[in-house]
Protein backbone atom coordinates (compact mmCIF):
# COMPACT_ATOMS: atom_id res chain seq x y z
CA UNK A 1 -27.79 -157.67 -37.09
CA UNK A 2 -28.35 -160.09 -34.25
CA UNK A 3 -24.83 -159.59 -32.84
CA UNK A 4 -23.45 -157.66 -29.89
CA UNK A 5 -20.05 -156.77 -28.50
CA UNK A 6 -18.97 -158.79 -25.47
CA UNK A 7 -15.84 -159.18 -23.34
CA UNK A 8 -14.94 -162.82 -22.67
CA UNK A 9 -11.88 -164.37 -21.06
CA UNK A 10 -8.60 -162.71 -20.16
CA UNK A 11 -5.72 -161.37 -22.23
CA UNK A 12 -2.31 -160.63 -20.74
CA UNK A 13 -1.66 -158.48 -23.81
CA UNK A 14 -4.67 -156.24 -23.09
CA UNK A 15 -4.56 -156.81 -19.32
CA UNK A 16 -8.27 -157.53 -19.42
CA UNK A 17 -10.92 -159.25 -21.45
CA UNK A 18 -10.62 -158.79 -25.23
CA UNK A 19 -13.66 -157.55 -27.13
CA UNK A 20 -15.42 -160.08 -29.33
CA UNK A 21 -18.60 -160.25 -31.39
CA UNK A 22 -21.25 -162.68 -30.17
CA UNK A 23 -24.39 -163.77 -32.02
CA UNK A 24 -27.30 -162.43 -29.95
CA UNK A 25 -30.77 -162.45 -31.56
CA UNK A 26 -32.50 -159.07 -31.45
CA UNK A 27 -29.32 -157.07 -30.78
CA UNK A 28 -27.28 -154.87 -33.09
CA UNK A 29 -23.96 -153.10 -32.83
CA UNK A 30 -22.19 -150.08 -34.24
CA UNK A 31 -18.75 -150.08 -35.79
CA UNK A 32 -16.66 -149.15 -38.79
CA UNK A 33 -16.28 -150.85 -42.16
CA UNK A 34 -12.80 -150.82 -43.68
CA UNK A 35 -12.07 -151.83 -47.26
CA UNK A 36 -8.76 -153.69 -47.41
CA UNK A 37 -6.71 -155.06 -50.25
CA UNK A 38 -6.72 -158.88 -50.36
CA UNK A 39 -2.92 -158.75 -50.04
CA UNK A 40 -3.38 -157.38 -46.50
CA UNK A 41 -5.50 -160.30 -45.23
CA UNK A 42 -2.44 -162.32 -44.16
CA UNK A 43 -1.21 -159.38 -42.05
CA UNK A 44 -4.66 -158.87 -40.56
CA UNK A 45 -4.94 -162.57 -39.69
CA UNK A 46 -1.59 -162.36 -37.88
CA UNK A 47 -2.65 -159.19 -36.03
CA UNK A 48 -5.96 -160.77 -34.97
CA UNK A 49 -4.50 -164.17 -33.98
CA UNK A 50 -6.66 -165.78 -31.31
CA UNK A 51 -9.88 -164.19 -32.56
CA UNK A 52 -12.57 -166.18 -34.34
CA UNK A 53 -13.03 -164.61 -37.79
CA UNK A 54 -16.40 -165.00 -39.52
CA UNK A 55 -18.66 -163.31 -42.07
CA UNK A 56 -21.68 -161.18 -41.14
CA UNK A 57 -24.24 -159.31 -43.22
CA UNK A 58 -24.05 -155.62 -42.32
CA UNK A 59 -26.75 -153.03 -43.00
CA UNK A 60 -25.58 -149.44 -42.56
CA UNK A 61 -27.62 -146.60 -41.10
CA UNK A 62 -28.35 -145.45 -44.68
CA UNK A 63 -29.54 -148.94 -45.69
CA UNK A 64 -26.48 -150.04 -47.71
CA UNK A 65 -25.73 -153.77 -47.35
CA UNK A 66 -22.29 -155.40 -47.08
CA UNK A 67 -20.89 -158.86 -46.40
CA UNK A 68 -18.07 -158.23 -43.90
CA UNK A 69 -15.36 -160.29 -42.24
CA UNK A 70 -15.29 -159.64 -38.51
CA UNK A 71 -13.05 -160.72 -35.63
């Protein structure tokens, strides 16, 4: 919680501002949680080059809690 989706800067690849997650007290966002094999992290890092990866604590609608890496 305390994060929201924002669009900052410009990307020639996307021809617009790329989406990013910004810490914003009191806000929350919706998304998907994907479980990936650790062997795939290198590929994901390459795919998400230019994004700032960090960990967030996620609480699902049903109350389950996860520590997730986001970009």
